[in-house]
Amino acid sequence: MKLALFGHGAMGQLVETQACVAGDEIGVTITSHDSGLSVDELATSLSGHDVALDFSVAAAALPHIEACALANVPLVEGTTGWKEQEAKAREIVEEHNGALVFGANFSVGVNLFYRIASHAAKLMADVDQYQAFIEEEHHARKRDAPSGTALKLKDLMAQYLKTEIPVASTRAGYIPGTHRVGFDSAADQIMLTHMARSREGFAAGALLAARWIVGRKGVYEFSDVVDEIIKTE
């Protein structure tokens, strides 16, 4: 595949490395130096690419989604912090018959963790003595807090739990990413944890999504990709 990259930070570089190892071709790379380009200019630069991946910044997500839709290039949107614009993004993709797959987290393990946390919340729904909570830790450079993953966990659990679910965030050092879902009572505590050892799992998941979205139309979440993996294995 010929890939276009939005963003060339830690994640963008890791995606590039894994893609090259897999034999993919890296075409255009759009960075902050190209922030003055219009949506039409971005769309023109995407001509001839099979798929694009975005790991830039939240403010650029919507222009990148629109540019890919105009260019008829499927997009893997890995940037977080743009949830308030999701409805507009869906409208743009549907208007241009484009293809978009997005997610708060592209780790297959995290997406399985979503299911575990959701099922745990369902089990605890009528056990009033337990209070649910979420903790997340990331490196000091991560911009958004709480993380998109923590907010996704909260949304999934809130479908079953009646009380507010507090979320605590830590930004320090070089932590790749840790998420904990807890249920605390006076007698004991139940704790579920997902700990990322590196960003490699996120990059691998993004490339998995890139191969999956080619040839499809519409808007999908990464959970749709994981659902298909689970069904076929």
Protein backbone atom coordinates (compact mmCIF):
# COMPACT_ATOMS: atom_id res chain seq x y z
CA MET A 1 0.00 0.00 0.00
CA LYS A 2 1.00 3.60 -0.50
CA LEU A 3 0.43 5.51 2.74
CA ALA A 4 0.07 9.21 3.48
CA LEU A 5 0.96 10.36 6.99
CA PHE A 6 -0.43 13.33 8.91
CA GLY A 7 1.98 14.05 11.74
CA HIS A 8 5.54 12.85 12.19
CA GLY A 9 5.93 12.75 15.95
CA ALA A 10 6.56 9.63 18.01
CA MET A 11 3.50 7.78 16.71
CA GLY A 12 3.87 8.93 13.12
CA GLN A 13 7.49 7.79 13.04
CA LEU A 14 6.63 4.42 14.56
CA VAL A 15 3.84 3.86 12.03
CA GLU A 16 6.29 4.77 9.26
CA THR A 17 8.88 2.29 10.57
CA GLN A 18 6.41 -0.59 10.88
CA ALA A 19 4.90 0.17 7.47
CA CYS A 20 8.31 0.11 5.79
CA VAL A 21 9.16 -3.21 7.47
CA ALA A 22 5.88 -4.60 6.09
CA GLY A 23 6.83 -3.46 2.58
CA ASP A 24 4.45 -0.51 2.35
CA GLU A 25 5.40 2.71 0.58
CA ILE A 26 5.33 6.05 2.40
CA GLY A 27 4.18 8.84 0.13
CA VAL A 28 3.45 12.35 1.36
CA THR A 29 4.05 13.26 5.01
CA ILE A 30 2.13 16.30 6.26
CA THR A 31 3.62 18.01 9.34
CA SER A 32 3.13 21.24 11.28
CA HIS A 33 5.25 22.97 8.63
CA ASP A 34 2.32 22.43 6.25
CA SER A 35 -0.30 23.98 8.55
CA GLY A 36 -0.91 26.79 6.06
CA LEU A 37 -2.21 24.44 3.37
CA SER A 38 -5.91 24.65 2.56
CA VAL A 39 -8.19 21.61 2.58
CA ASP A 40 -8.16 21.60 -1.23
CA GLU A 41 -4.34 21.71 -1.31
CA LEU A 42 -4.17 18.85 1.19
CA ALA A 43 -6.60 16.84 -0.94
CA THR A 44 -4.45 17.40 -4.04
CA SER A 45 -1.35 16.17 -2.19
CA LEU A 46 -3.15 12.91 -1.35
CA SER A 47 -3.69 11.91 -4.97
CA GLY A 48 -2.41 8.39 -5.72
CA HIS A 49 -2.38 7.17 -2.10
CA ASP A 50 -4.25 4.06 -0.95
CA VAL A 51 -4.89 5.21 2.61
CA ALA A 52 -3.88 7.96 5.05
CA LEU A 53 -3.15 7.83 8.77
CA ASP A 54 -3.45 10.82 11.10
CA PHE A 55 -1.49 11.12 14.33
CA SER A 56 -1.19 14.90 14.46
CA VAL A 57 -3.24 17.22 16.71
CA ALA A 58 -6.94 17.48 17.51
CA ALA A 59 -7.33 20.89 15.85
CA ALA A 60 -6.22 19.41 12.52
CA ALA A 61 -8.46 16.33 12.62
CA LEU A 62 -11.49 17.81 10.86
CA PRO A 63 -9.51 19.45 7.99
CA HIS A 64 -7.64 16.18 7.47
CA ILE A 65 -10.89 14.19 7.46
CA GLU A 66 -12.36 16.59 4.90
CA ALA A 67 -9.24 16.51 2.70
CA CYS A 68 -9.25 12.71 2.61
CA ALA A 69 -12.96 12.64 1.82
CA LEU A 70 -12.43 15.07 -1.07
CA ALA A 71 -9.49 13.01 -2.36
CA ASN A 72 -11.39 9.72 -1.99
CA VAL A 73 -8.59 8.38 0.22
CA PRO A 74 -9.63 6.29 3.27
CA LEU A 75 -8.40 7.72 6.58
CA VAL A 76 -7.32 6.13 9.85
CA GLU A 77 -7.87 8.90 12.41
CA GLY A 78 -5.67 8.25 15.43
CA THR A 79 -5.78 11.72 16.93
CA THR A 80 -7.87 12.17 20.07
CA GLY A 81 -9.53 15.22 21.61
CA TRP A 82 -11.94 16.00 18.73
CA LYS A 83 -15.02 14.09 19.99
CA GLU A 84 -17.17 17.25 19.92
CA GLN A 85 -16.65 17.36 16.14
CA GLU A 86 -17.55 13.72 15.51
CA ALA A 87 -21.03 14.51 14.16
CA LYS A 88 -19.55 16.99 11.67
CA ALA A 89 -16.88 14.48 10.64
CA ARG A 90 -19.52 11.83 9.96
CA GLU A 91 -21.50 14.32 7.90
CA ILE A 92 -18.44 15.19 5.77
CA VAL A 93 -17.50 11.55 5.13
CA GLU A 94 -21.05 10.55 4.25
CA GLU A 95 -21.51 13.58 1.96
CA HIS A 96 -18.45 12.60 -0.10
CA ASN A 97 -18.98 8.82 0.14
CA GLY A 98 -15.64 8.54 1.90
CA ALA A 99 -14.16 6.10 4.39
CA LEU A 100 -13.02 6.77 7.95
CA VAL A 101 -12.03 4.56 10.86
CA PHE A 102 -11.29 6.25 14.17
CA GLY A 103 -10.73 5.28 17.76
CA ALA A 104 -9.66 6.59 21.12
CA ASN A 105 -7.04 3.84 21.11
CA PHE A 106 -5.76 1.56 18.32
CA SER A 107 -4.38 -1.13 20.62
CA VAL A 108 -6.17 -4.45 20.16
CA GLY A 109 -5.54 -5.13 23.86
CA VAL A 110 -7.23 -1.90 24.92
CA ASN A 111 -10.25 -2.66 22.76
CA LEU A 112 -10.56 -6.05 24.44
CA PHE A 113 -10.18 -4.22 27.77
CA TYR A 114 -13.19 -2.08 26.80
CA ARG A 115 -15.27 -5.25 26.64
CA ILE A 116 -13.95 -6.54 29.96
CA ALA A 117 -14.68 -3.22 31.70
CA SER A 118 -18.13 -3.00 30.16
CA HIS A 119 -19.00 -6.53 31.27
CA ALA A 120 -17.68 -5.80 34.78
CA ALA A 121 -19.87 -2.69 35.00
CA LYS A 122 -22.89 -4.75 33.94
CA LEU A 123 -22.14 -7.29 36.68
CA MET A 124 -21.80 -4.53 39.30
CA ALA A 125 -24.86 -2.54 38.20
CA ASP A 126 -27.07 -3.68 41.10
CA VAL A 127 -24.35 -4.07 43.74
CA ASP A 128 -24.78 -0.73 45.50
CA GLN A 129 -21.92 -1.04 47.99
CA TYR A 130 -19.27 -0.64 45.25
CA GLN A 131 -18.21 2.70 43.74
CA ALA A 132 -16.65 2.57 40.28
CA PHE A 133 -13.68 4.74 39.33
CA ILE A 134 -11.13 5.10 36.52
CA GLU A 135 -7.44 6.03 36.72
CA GLU A 136 -5.19 6.75 33.75
CA GLU A 137 -1.49 7.60 33.46
CA HIS A 138 0.45 8.86 30.44
CA HIS A 139 3.72 10.57 29.54
CA ALA A 140 4.17 14.26 30.31
CA ARG A 141 3.82 15.30 26.64
CA LYS A 142 0.29 13.95 26.19
CA ARG A 143 -1.98 16.95 25.63
CA ASP A 144 -5.48 15.73 26.48
CA ALA A 145 -6.62 14.73 29.96
CA PRO A 146 -8.55 12.60 30.65
CA SER A 147 -7.38 10.42 27.80
CA GLY A 148 -9.75 9.45 25.02
CA THR A 149 -9.44 5.87 26.22
CA ALA A 150 -10.54 6.80 29.75
CA LEU A 151 -13.52 8.73 28.40
CA LYS A 152 -14.48 5.75 26.22
CA LEU A 153 -14.28 3.46 29.27
CA LYS A 154 -16.47 5.88 31.21
CA ASP A 155 -19.08 5.99 28.43
CA LEU A 156 -19.20 2.19 28.19
CA MET A 157 -19.52 1.72 31.96
CA ALA A 158 -22.08 4.50 32.35
CA GLN A 159 -24.53 2.45 30.29
CA TYR A 160 -24.93 0.18 33.33
CA LEU A 161 -23.96 2.20 36.42
CA LYS A 162 -26.27 4.72 38.08
CA THR A 163 -23.64 6.81 39.90
CA GLU A 164 -21.05 9.22 38.50
CA ILE A 165 -17.73 7.56 37.59
CA PRO A 166 -14.75 9.74 38.65
CA VAL A 167 -11.69 9.79 36.39
CA ALA A 168 -8.21 10.65 37.69
CA SER A 169 -5.38 11.57 35.28
CA THR A 170 -1.60 11.66 35.72
CA ARG A 171 0.88 13.14 33.24
CA ALA A 172 4.50 12.37 34.11
CA GLY A 173 7.74 11.10 32.66
CA TYR A 174 7.58 8.62 29.80
CA ILE A 175 4.61 6.40 30.73
CA PRO A 176 3.29 4.83 27.46
CA GLY A 177 -0.20 4.44 28.91
CA THR A 178 -1.91 2.75 31.85
CA HIS A 179 -5.65 2.50 32.49
CA ARG A 180 -7.31 1.10 35.60
CA VAL A 181 -10.97 0.42 36.24
CA GLY A 182 -11.77 -0.06 39.91
CA PHE A 183 -14.76 -0.99 42.05
CA ASP A 184 -14.26 0.00 45.68
CA SER A 185 -16.24 -0.90 48.81
CA ALA A 186 -15.66 -0.71 52.55
CA ALA A 187 -14.76 -4.39 52.53
CA ASP A 188 -12.57 -4.77 49.46
CA GLN A 189 -11.53 -3.44 46.05
CA ILE A 190 -11.65 -4.98 42.57
CA MET A 191 -9.12 -3.58 40.09
CA LEU A 192 -8.78 -4.21 36.35
CA THR A 193 -5.66 -2.89 34.60
CA HIS A 194 -4.35 -2.46 31.08
CA MET A 195 -0.71 -1.39 30.84
CA ALA A 196 0.92 -0.57 27.51
CA ARG A 197 4.61 -1.57 27.44
CA SER A 198 5.32 0.58 24.38
CA ARG A 199 3.59 2.41 21.54
CA GLU A 200 4.27 -0.44 19.11
CA GLY A 201 0.87 -2.02 19.75
CA PHE A 202 -0.87 1.25 18.87
CA ALA A 203 1.05 1.56 15.60
CA ALA A 204 0.37 -2.08 14.68
CA GLY A 205 -3.33 -1.57 15.34
CA ALA A 206 -3.40 1.58 13.19
CA LEU A 207 -1.83 -0.30 10.28
CA LEU A 208 -4.28 -3.16 10.81
CA ALA A 209 -7.09 -0.60 10.54
CA ALA A 210 -5.48 0.89 7.42
CA ARG A 211 -5.54 -2.47 5.63
CA TRP A 212 -9.10 -3.10 6.83
CA ILE A 213 -10.59 0.23 5.67
CA VAL A 214 -9.27 0.07 2.09
CA GLY A 215 -12.17 -0.79 -0.21
CA ARG A 216 -14.85 0.14 2.32
CA LYS A 217 -17.11 3.17 2.56
CA GLY A 218 -18.59 4.85 5.61
CA VAL A 219 -17.54 5.68 9.16
CA TYR A 220 -16.26 3.00 11.52
CA GLU A 221 -14.68 2.76 14.94
CA PHE A 222 -11.63 0.62 15.60
CA SER A 223 -13.89 -1.60 17.69
CA ASP A 224 -15.52 -2.67 14.40
CA VAL A 225 -12.12 -3.89 13.20
CA VAL A 226 -11.55 -5.80 16.45
CA ASP A 227 -15.05 -7.31 16.26
CA GLU A 228 -14.17 -8.79 12.88
CA ILE A 229 -10.89 -10.19 14.22
CA ILE A 230 -12.69 -11.87 17.13
CA LYS A 231 -15.31 -13.40 14.82
CA THR A 232 -12.72 -14.89 12.47
CA GLU A 233 -10.33 -16.32 15.05
